[in-house]
Amino acid sequence: MPTYIDPTAEVDPSATIGEGTRVWGHAYVAPNASIGRNCMLARNTHVGKGAVMGDGCKLQDGSGITTGVTLGNYVFVGPNVTFCNDPDPRASNTNFAPAITSVGDGAVICAAAVIDAGVTIGEGAKVAPGAVVCRNVPAGMFAVGNPARILPRMERAS
């Protein structure tokens, strides 16, 4: 599948877009962002300056990854997910340095979740819809609630 960038999307020339990636309407890709192969950026999404998406990621409507965020391969980010990147937010913060937030391969972040600055979400972990994640989520675990509690991840029976 060829790479597709919708005419209403704004992609900075310094950004890297992998082969087969689809960037839909009104998406924004900032300077020096890196997006892997076969990704999908839905309508009204945002990839911040220097943010990284691995191969096969999906960023659903209204979600964004901010500066300092790295997604591994095959990460699903549901609609309206928010990643915070300022560990000490102030309106007058002239010394802003983004926190490093990473999401491991195959992780799932469901709709309307909020991920605090500097959090690590492990490989294969899942974040429930609406969860507010203020601490690391180990690989293969499930984060649910506000503030999120960490539970073992149970797969559905087929």
N, C-alpha and C. Protein backbone atom coordinates (compact mmCIF):
# COMPACT_ATOMS: atom_id res chain seq x y z
N MET A 1 0.85 -1.18 0.00
CA MET A 1 0.00 0.00 0.00
C MET A 1 0.90 1.24 0.00
N PRO A 2 0.61 2.20 -0.88
CA PRO A 2 1.43 3.42 -0.92
C PRO A 2 1.12 4.35 0.27
N THR A 3 2.05 5.23 0.57
CA THR A 3 1.85 6.24 1.60
C THR A 3 0.78 7.21 1.11
N TYR A 4 -0.09 7.64 2.03
CA TYR A 4 -1.14 8.60 1.67
C TYR A 4 -1.13 9.73 2.69
N ILE A 5 -1.12 10.97 2.23
CA ILE A 5 -1.24 12.14 3.09
C ILE A 5 -2.39 12.97 2.55
N ASP A 6 -3.45 13.10 3.35
CA ASP A 6 -4.63 13.86 2.94
C ASP A 6 -4.24 15.31 2.66
N PRO A 7 -4.88 15.94 1.68
CA PRO A 7 -4.54 17.33 1.36
C PRO A 7 -4.76 18.31 2.51
N THR A 8 -5.63 17.96 3.47
CA THR A 8 -5.88 18.87 4.60
C THR A 8 -4.91 18.63 5.76
N ALA A 9 -4.10 17.58 5.68
CA ALA A 9 -3.12 17.31 6.73
C ALA A 9 -1.94 18.27 6.58
N GLU A 10 -1.28 18.55 7.71
CA GLU A 10 -0.10 19.41 7.69
C GLU A 10 1.09 18.59 8.20
N VAL A 11 2.02 18.32 7.31
CA VAL A 11 3.19 17.52 7.64
C VAL A 11 4.43 18.38 7.41
N ASP A 12 5.20 18.62 8.46
CA ASP A 12 6.41 19.41 8.33
C ASP A 12 7.40 18.68 7.42
N PRO A 13 8.10 19.40 6.56
CA PRO A 13 9.06 18.76 5.64
C PRO A 13 10.18 17.98 6.34
N SER A 14 10.50 18.32 7.59
CA SER A 14 11.57 17.61 8.29
C SER A 14 11.08 16.33 8.96
N ALA A 15 9.77 16.08 8.95
CA ALA A 15 9.22 14.85 9.54
C ALA A 15 9.50 13.67 8.61
N THR A 16 9.60 12.49 9.19
CA THR A 16 9.81 11.26 8.44
C THR A 16 8.53 10.44 8.50
N ILE A 17 8.01 10.06 7.33
CA ILE A 17 6.79 9.26 7.24
C ILE A 17 7.14 7.95 6.53
N GLY A 18 6.91 6.81 7.20
CA GLY A 18 7.26 5.52 6.63
C GLY A 18 6.33 5.08 5.51
N GLU A 19 6.83 4.18 4.70
CA GLU A 19 6.09 3.62 3.57
C GLU A 19 4.79 2.98 4.04
N GLY A 20 3.71 3.23 3.31
CA GLY A 20 2.42 2.63 3.60
C GLY A 20 1.64 3.31 4.70
N THR A 21 2.16 4.37 5.28
CA THR A 21 1.46 5.10 6.34
C THR A 21 0.38 5.98 5.73
N ARG A 22 -0.75 6.09 6.43
CA ARG A 22 -1.86 6.92 6.00
C ARG A 22 -2.07 8.04 7.02
N VAL A 23 -2.06 9.28 6.52
CA VAL A 23 -2.26 10.46 7.36
C VAL A 23 -3.55 11.12 6.88
N TRP A 24 -4.59 11.07 7.69
CA TRP A 24 -5.92 11.52 7.28
C TRP A 24 -6.15 12.99 7.58
N GLY A 25 -7.36 13.45 7.32
CA GLY A 25 -7.72 14.86 7.34
C GLY A 25 -7.40 15.60 8.63
N HIS A 26 -6.82 16.78 8.44
CA HIS A 26 -6.53 17.73 9.52
C HIS A 26 -5.56 17.19 10.56
N ALA A 27 -4.81 16.16 10.21
CA ALA A 27 -3.75 15.69 11.10
C ALA A 27 -2.58 16.67 11.02
N TYR A 28 -1.79 16.73 12.09
CA TYR A 28 -0.62 17.59 12.12
C TYR A 28 0.59 16.77 12.55
N VAL A 29 1.66 16.84 11.76
CA VAL A 29 2.91 16.17 12.09
C VAL A 29 3.98 17.26 12.17
N ALA A 30 4.54 17.43 13.37
CA ALA A 30 5.46 18.53 13.67
C ALA A 30 6.88 18.25 13.17
N PRO A 31 7.74 19.28 13.24
CA PRO A 31 9.12 19.12 12.81
C PRO A 31 9.83 17.96 13.51
N ASN A 32 10.63 17.24 12.73
CA ASN A 32 11.47 16.15 13.22
C ASN A 32 10.72 14.98 13.85
N ALA A 33 9.42 14.90 13.67
CA ALA A 33 8.67 13.73 14.12
C ALA A 33 9.05 12.55 13.23
N SER A 34 8.95 11.36 13.77
CA SER A 34 9.28 10.15 13.02
C SER A 34 8.13 9.16 13.13
N ILE A 35 7.57 8.80 11.98
CA ILE A 35 6.43 7.88 11.93
C ILE A 35 6.85 6.68 11.10
N GLY A 36 6.66 5.49 11.65
CA GLY A 36 7.11 4.27 11.00
C GLY A 36 6.26 3.86 9.80
N ARG A 37 6.51 2.65 9.34
CA ARG A 37 5.80 2.10 8.20
C ARG A 37 4.42 1.60 8.61
N ASN A 38 3.48 1.69 7.66
CA ASN A 38 2.13 1.13 7.81
C ASN A 38 1.40 1.62 9.06
N CYS A 39 1.57 2.88 9.39
CA CYS A 39 0.85 3.49 10.51
C CYS A 39 -0.43 4.15 9.99
N MET A 40 -1.30 4.53 10.90
CA MET A 40 -2.51 5.25 10.54
C MET A 40 -2.70 6.38 11.54
N LEU A 41 -2.76 7.62 11.01
CA LEU A 41 -3.06 8.79 11.81
C LEU A 41 -4.44 9.26 11.38
N ALA A 42 -5.42 9.12 12.25
CA ALA A 42 -6.80 9.46 11.92
C ALA A 42 -7.00 10.98 11.90
N ARG A 43 -8.24 11.39 11.66
CA ARG A 43 -8.59 12.81 11.60
C ARG A 43 -8.24 13.52 12.91
N ASN A 44 -7.78 14.76 12.76
CA ASN A 44 -7.53 15.63 13.91
C ASN A 44 -6.55 15.05 14.91
N THR A 45 -5.51 14.39 14.43
CA THR A 45 -4.48 13.86 15.32
C THR A 45 -3.26 14.78 15.28
N HIS A 46 -2.38 14.59 16.26
CA HIS A 46 -1.21 15.47 16.41
C HIS A 46 -0.01 14.62 16.80
N VAL A 47 1.08 14.80 16.08
CA VAL A 47 2.35 14.17 16.44
C VAL A 47 3.34 15.30 16.68
N GLY A 48 3.77 15.45 17.94
CA GLY A 48 4.58 16.59 18.35
C GLY A 48 6.01 16.55 17.83
N LYS A 49 6.68 17.67 18.00
CA LYS A 49 8.07 17.85 17.56
C LYS A 49 8.96 16.75 18.14
N GLY A 50 9.59 16.00 17.25
CA GLY A 50 10.52 14.96 17.68
C GLY A 50 9.87 13.70 18.23
N ALA A 51 8.53 13.63 18.29
CA ALA A 51 7.86 12.42 18.78
C ALA A 51 8.10 11.27 17.80
N VAL A 52 8.02 10.05 18.32
CA VAL A 52 8.34 8.87 17.52
C VAL A 52 7.20 7.85 17.59
N MET A 53 6.81 7.35 16.42
CA MET A 53 5.86 6.23 16.32
C MET A 53 6.56 5.10 15.60
N GLY A 54 6.53 3.90 16.15
CA GLY A 54 7.11 2.74 15.48
C GLY A 54 6.24 2.28 14.32
N ASP A 55 6.55 1.14 13.77
CA ASP A 55 5.80 0.58 12.65
C ASP A 55 4.44 0.06 13.13
N GLY A 56 3.44 0.17 12.24
CA GLY A 56 2.13 -0.44 12.47
C GLY A 56 1.29 0.19 13.56
N CYS A 57 1.59 1.41 13.97
CA CYS A 57 0.81 2.08 15.03
C CYS A 57 -0.46 2.70 14.48
N LYS A 58 -1.46 2.80 15.35
CA LYS A 58 -2.70 3.50 15.01
C LYS A 58 -2.95 4.59 16.04
N LEU A 59 -3.17 5.80 15.54
CA LEU A 59 -3.48 6.96 16.37
C LEU A 59 -4.88 7.40 15.96
N GLN A 60 -5.86 7.17 16.82
CA GLN A 60 -7.26 7.40 16.48
C GLN A 60 -7.67 8.86 16.63
N ASP A 61 -8.86 9.21 16.12
CA ASP A 61 -9.38 10.58 16.06
C ASP A 61 -9.18 11.34 17.37
N GLY A 62 -8.66 12.57 17.23
CA GLY A 62 -8.55 13.48 18.35
C GLY A 62 -7.42 13.18 19.32
N SER A 63 -6.57 12.22 19.02
CA SER A 63 -5.46 11.88 19.91
C SER A 63 -4.18 12.54 19.42
N GLY A 64 -3.24 12.63 20.32
CA GLY A 64 -1.96 13.19 19.92
C GLY A 64 -0.86 12.65 20.80
N ILE A 65 0.33 12.56 20.23
CA ILE A 65 1.50 12.24 21.04
C ILE A 65 2.37 13.49 21.03
N THR A 66 2.75 13.91 22.20
CA THR A 66 3.47 15.16 22.37
C THR A 66 4.98 14.94 22.28
N THR A 67 5.71 16.03 22.23
CA THR A 67 7.17 16.00 22.28
C THR A 67 7.60 15.18 23.49
N GLY A 68 8.55 14.28 23.29
CA GLY A 68 9.03 13.43 24.39
C GLY A 68 8.40 12.06 24.42
N VAL A 69 7.40 11.80 23.58
CA VAL A 69 6.70 10.52 23.57
C VAL A 69 7.26 9.63 22.46
N THR A 70 7.49 8.36 22.82
CA THR A 70 7.90 7.35 21.85
C THR A 70 6.96 6.16 21.96
N LEU A 71 6.36 5.80 20.82
CA LEU A 71 5.53 4.60 20.75
C LEU A 71 6.35 3.50 20.09
N GLY A 72 6.30 2.30 20.65
CA GLY A 72 6.96 1.15 20.03
C GLY A 72 6.18 0.73 18.79
N ASN A 73 6.39 -0.49 18.34
CA ASN A 73 5.70 -1.01 17.17
C ASN A 73 4.32 -1.54 17.55
N TYR A 74 3.37 -1.37 16.64
CA TYR A 74 2.01 -1.91 16.77
C TYR A 74 1.30 -1.44 18.04
N VAL A 75 1.47 -0.18 18.36
CA VAL A 75 0.77 0.43 19.50
C VAL A 75 -0.55 1.01 19.00
N PHE A 76 -1.62 0.76 19.74
CA PHE A 76 -2.93 1.32 19.44
C PHE A 76 -3.22 2.43 20.44
N VAL A 77 -3.52 3.63 19.93
CA VAL A 77 -3.90 4.78 20.75
C VAL A 77 -5.32 5.15 20.35
N GLY A 78 -6.27 4.94 21.25
CA GLY A 78 -7.68 5.17 20.96
C GLY A 78 -8.04 6.64 20.84
N PRO A 79 -9.31 6.91 20.54
CA PRO A 79 -9.76 8.29 20.36
C PRO A 79 -9.58 9.13 21.62
N ASN A 80 -9.19 10.38 21.40
CA ASN A 80 -9.11 11.39 22.46
C ASN A 80 -8.21 11.02 23.63
N VAL A 81 -7.14 10.30 23.36
CA VAL A 81 -6.13 10.01 24.39
C VAL A 81 -5.23 11.23 24.52
N THR A 82 -4.85 11.55 25.76
CA THR A 82 -3.98 12.70 26.02
C THR A 82 -2.68 12.24 26.67
N PHE A 83 -1.57 12.63 26.07
CA PHE A 83 -0.25 12.42 26.67
C PHE A 83 0.23 13.76 27.20
N CYS A 84 0.58 13.81 28.48
CA CYS A 84 1.15 15.02 29.07
C CYS A 84 2.67 14.92 28.93
N ASN A 85 3.35 16.06 28.81
CA ASN A 85 4.80 15.98 28.67
C ASN A 85 5.57 16.94 29.56
N ASP A 86 4.88 17.72 30.37
CA ASP A 86 5.55 18.69 31.23
C ASP A 86 5.46 18.22 32.68
N PRO A 87 6.57 17.82 33.29
CA PRO A 87 6.53 17.32 34.66
C PRO A 87 6.25 18.40 35.70
N ASP A 88 6.40 19.67 35.32
CA ASP A 88 6.16 20.78 36.25
C ASP A 88 5.47 21.92 35.50
N PRO A 89 4.21 21.72 35.09
CA PRO A 89 3.56 22.72 34.23
C PRO A 89 3.32 24.05 34.94
N ARG A 90 3.68 25.11 34.25
CA ARG A 90 3.45 26.49 34.69
C ARG A 90 3.19 27.32 33.45
N ALA A 91 2.35 28.32 33.56
CA ALA A 91 2.07 29.19 32.42
C ALA A 91 3.31 29.95 31.99
N SER A 92 4.19 30.23 32.93
CA SER A 92 5.38 31.03 32.62
C SER A 92 6.66 30.20 32.58
N ASN A 93 6.54 28.92 32.31
CA ASN A 93 7.70 28.03 32.32
C ASN A 93 8.59 28.29 31.11
N THR A 94 9.67 29.02 31.30
CA THR A 94 10.58 29.32 30.20
C THR A 94 11.68 28.27 30.07
N ASN A 95 11.78 27.37 31.04
CA ASN A 95 12.80 26.32 31.02
C ASN A 95 12.18 24.95 30.75
N PHE A 96 11.15 24.91 29.93
CA PHE A 96 10.44 23.66 29.65
C PHE A 96 11.38 22.61 29.07
N ALA A 97 11.39 21.45 29.69
CA ALA A 97 12.11 20.28 29.17
C ALA A 97 11.13 19.12 29.24
N PRO A 98 10.73 18.57 28.08
CA PRO A 98 9.71 17.52 28.10
C PRO A 98 10.19 16.27 28.79
N ALA A 99 9.28 15.65 29.54
CA ALA A 99 9.57 14.36 30.15
C ALA A 99 9.57 13.30 29.05
N ILE A 100 10.31 12.23 29.26
CA ILE A 100 10.36 11.13 28.30
C ILE A 100 9.31 10.10 28.70
N THR A 101 8.38 9.86 27.78
CA THR A 101 7.31 8.88 27.99
C THR A 101 7.45 7.83 26.91
N SER A 102 7.41 6.55 27.30
CA SER A 102 7.53 5.50 26.30
C SER A 102 6.43 4.47 26.45
N VAL A 103 6.02 3.95 25.29
CA VAL A 103 4.96 2.94 25.23
C VAL A 103 5.54 1.75 24.48
N GLY A 104 5.53 0.59 25.12
CA GLY A 104 6.15 -0.61 24.56
C GLY A 104 5.37 -1.21 23.41
N ASP A 105 6.04 -2.07 22.66
CA ASP A 105 5.45 -2.75 21.52
C ASP A 105 4.13 -3.44 21.91
N GLY A 106 3.14 -3.29 21.03
CA GLY A 106 1.88 -3.99 21.20
C GLY A 106 0.98 -3.49 22.31
N ALA A 107 1.31 -2.38 22.93
CA ALA A 107 0.46 -1.84 23.99
C ALA A 107 -0.81 -1.25 23.40
N VAL A 108 -1.86 -1.21 24.22
CA VAL A 108 -3.16 -0.68 23.82
C VAL A 108 -3.55 0.40 24.82
N ILE A 109 -3.86 1.59 24.31
CA ILE A 109 -4.33 2.68 25.17
C ILE A 109 -5.72 3.04 24.66
N CYS A 110 -6.72 2.74 25.47
CA CYS A 110 -8.12 2.92 25.05
C CYS A 110 -8.57 4.38 25.14
N ALA A 111 -9.75 4.65 24.61
CA ALA A 111 -10.30 6.00 24.45
C ALA A 111 -10.25 6.82 25.73
N ALA A 112 -9.93 8.09 25.56
CA ALA A 112 -10.01 9.12 26.60
C ALA A 112 -9.10 8.89 27.80
N ALA A 113 -8.11 8.03 27.66
CA ALA A 113 -7.14 7.84 28.74
C ALA A 113 -6.22 9.06 28.79
N VAL A 114 -5.67 9.32 29.97
CA VAL A 114 -4.70 10.40 30.17
C VAL A 114 -3.43 9.77 30.70
N ILE A 115 -2.32 10.04 30.02
CA ILE A 115 -1.03 9.48 30.40
C ILE A 115 -0.15 10.62 30.91
N ASP A 116 0.26 10.55 32.18
CA ASP A 116 1.06 11.61 32.79
C ASP A 116 2.47 11.64 32.21
N ALA A 117 3.12 12.77 32.36
CA ALA A 117 4.48 12.98 31.87
C ALA A 117 5.45 11.99 32.51
N GLY A 118 6.32 11.41 31.68
CA GLY A 118 7.38 10.56 32.19
C GLY A 118 7.00 9.14 32.52
N VAL A 119 5.79 8.72 32.16
CA VAL A 119 5.33 7.37 32.46
C VAL A 119 5.83 6.40 31.39
N THR A 120 6.11 5.16 31.81
CA THR A 120 6.43 4.09 30.87
C THR A 120 5.31 3.08 30.89
N ILE A 121 4.81 2.75 29.71
CA ILE A 121 3.79 1.71 29.57
C ILE A 121 4.47 0.55 28.88
N GLY A 122 4.51 -0.59 29.57
CA GLY A 122 5.28 -1.73 29.09
C GLY A 122 4.69 -2.44 27.89
N GLU A 123 5.50 -3.30 27.30
CA GLU A 123 5.12 -4.09 26.15
C GLU A 123 3.86 -4.90 26.44
N GLY A 124 2.89 -4.83 25.54
CA GLY A 124 1.68 -5.63 25.67
C GLY A 124 0.73 -5.18 26.77
N ALA A 125 1.02 -4.06 27.43
CA ALA A 125 0.13 -3.56 28.48
C ALA A 125 -1.13 -2.96 27.86
N LYS A 126 -2.16 -2.81 28.70
CA LYS A 126 -3.40 -2.19 28.23
C LYS A 126 -3.84 -1.15 29.25
N VAL A 127 -4.31 0.00 28.72
CA VAL A 127 -4.84 1.08 29.55
C VAL A 127 -6.33 1.18 29.24
N ALA A 128 -7.16 1.09 30.26
CA ALA A 128 -8.62 1.08 30.09
C ALA A 128 -9.13 2.44 29.62
N PRO A 129 -10.32 2.46 29.03
CA PRO A 129 -10.93 3.73 28.64
C PRO A 129 -11.07 4.67 29.85
N GLY A 130 -10.67 5.92 29.67
CA GLY A 130 -10.82 6.93 30.71
C GLY A 130 -9.84 6.82 31.86
N ALA A 131 -8.92 5.88 31.83
CA ALA A 131 -7.96 5.74 32.93
C ALA A 131 -7.03 6.94 32.98
N VAL A 132 -6.60 7.29 34.19
CA VAL A 132 -5.62 8.36 34.37
C VAL A 132 -4.36 7.70 34.94
N VAL A 133 -3.36 7.57 34.07
CA VAL A 133 -2.15 6.81 34.40
C VAL A 133 -1.07 7.77 34.91
N CYS A 134 -0.75 7.65 36.21
CA CYS A 134 0.22 8.53 36.86
C CYS A 134 1.49 7.80 37.26
N ARG A 135 1.57 6.50 36.97
CA ARG A 135 2.77 5.73 37.28
C ARG A 135 2.96 4.66 36.21
N ASN A 136 4.11 4.06 36.20
CA ASN A 136 4.45 3.09 35.17
C ASN A 136 3.50 1.90 35.18
N VAL A 137 3.24 1.37 33.99
CA VAL A 137 2.42 0.17 33.83
C VAL A 137 3.36 -0.92 33.33
N PRO A 138 3.61 -1.95 34.14
CA PRO A 138 4.54 -3.00 33.71
C PRO A 138 4.03 -3.76 32.47
N ALA A 139 4.95 -4.39 31.77
CA ALA A 139 4.62 -5.17 30.59
C ALA A 139 3.52 -6.18 30.90
N GLY A 140 2.56 -6.27 29.99
CA GLY A 140 1.50 -7.27 30.10
C GLY A 140 0.43 -6.97 31.13
N MET A 141 0.50 -5.83 31.80
CA MET A 141 -0.48 -5.52 32.85
C MET A 141 -1.58 -4.62 32.32
N PHE A 142 -2.59 -4.36 33.16
CA PHE A 142 -3.79 -3.62 32.80
C PHE A 142 -3.94 -2.46 33.78
N ALA A 143 -4.07 -1.24 33.26
CA ALA A 143 -4.26 -0.05 34.11
C ALA A 143 -5.70 0.40 33.98
N VAL A 144 -6.38 0.56 35.11
CA VAL A 144 -7.80 0.90 35.09
C VAL A 144 -8.11 1.88 36.21
N GLY A 145 -8.97 2.88 35.93
CA GLY A 145 -9.46 3.79 36.96
C GLY A 145 -8.73 5.12 37.01
N ASN A 146 -9.13 5.93 38.03
CA ASN A 146 -8.58 7.26 38.24
C ASN A 146 -8.38 7.49 39.73
N PRO A 147 -7.12 7.51 40.19
CA PRO A 147 -5.91 7.20 39.45
C PRO A 147 -5.87 5.71 39.10
N ALA A 148 -5.16 5.39 38.05
CA ALA A 148 -5.15 4.01 37.55
C ALA A 148 -4.53 3.04 38.57
N ARG A 149 -5.21 1.92 38.72
CA ARG A 149 -4.69 0.78 39.49
C ARG A 149 -4.12 -0.21 38.48
N ILE A 150 -3.10 -0.93 38.87
CA ILE A 150 -2.46 -1.90 37.99
C ILE A 150 -2.98 -3.29 38.36
N LEU A 151 -3.53 -3.97 37.36
CA LEU A 151 -4.10 -5.31 37.53
C LEU A 151 -3.47 -6.25 36.51
N PRO A 152 -3.54 -7.56 36.78
CA PRO A 152 -3.08 -8.50 35.74
C PRO A 152 -3.99 -8.39 34.51
N ARG A 153 -3.41 -8.51 33.34
CA ARG A 153 -4.20 -8.43 32.12
C ARG A 153 -4.75 -9.82 31.81
N MET A 154 -6.05 -9.90 31.67
CA MET A 154 -6.71 -11.16 31.35
C MET A 154 -7.20 -11.08 29.90
N GLU A 155 -6.80 -12.03 29.10
CA GLU A 155 -7.27 -12.08 27.70
C GLU A 155 -8.65 -12.72 27.67
N ARG A 156 -9.45 -12.23 26.73
CA ARG A 156 -10.78 -12.82 26.54
C ARG A 156 -10.67 -14.20 25.94
N ALA A 157 -11.57 -15.08 26.38
CA ALA A 157 -11.62 -16.42 25.77
C ALA A 157 -12.15 -16.30 24.35
N SER A 158 -11.65 -17.13 23.45
CA SER A 158 -12.12 -17.03 22.05
C SER A 158 -13.41 -17.75 21.84
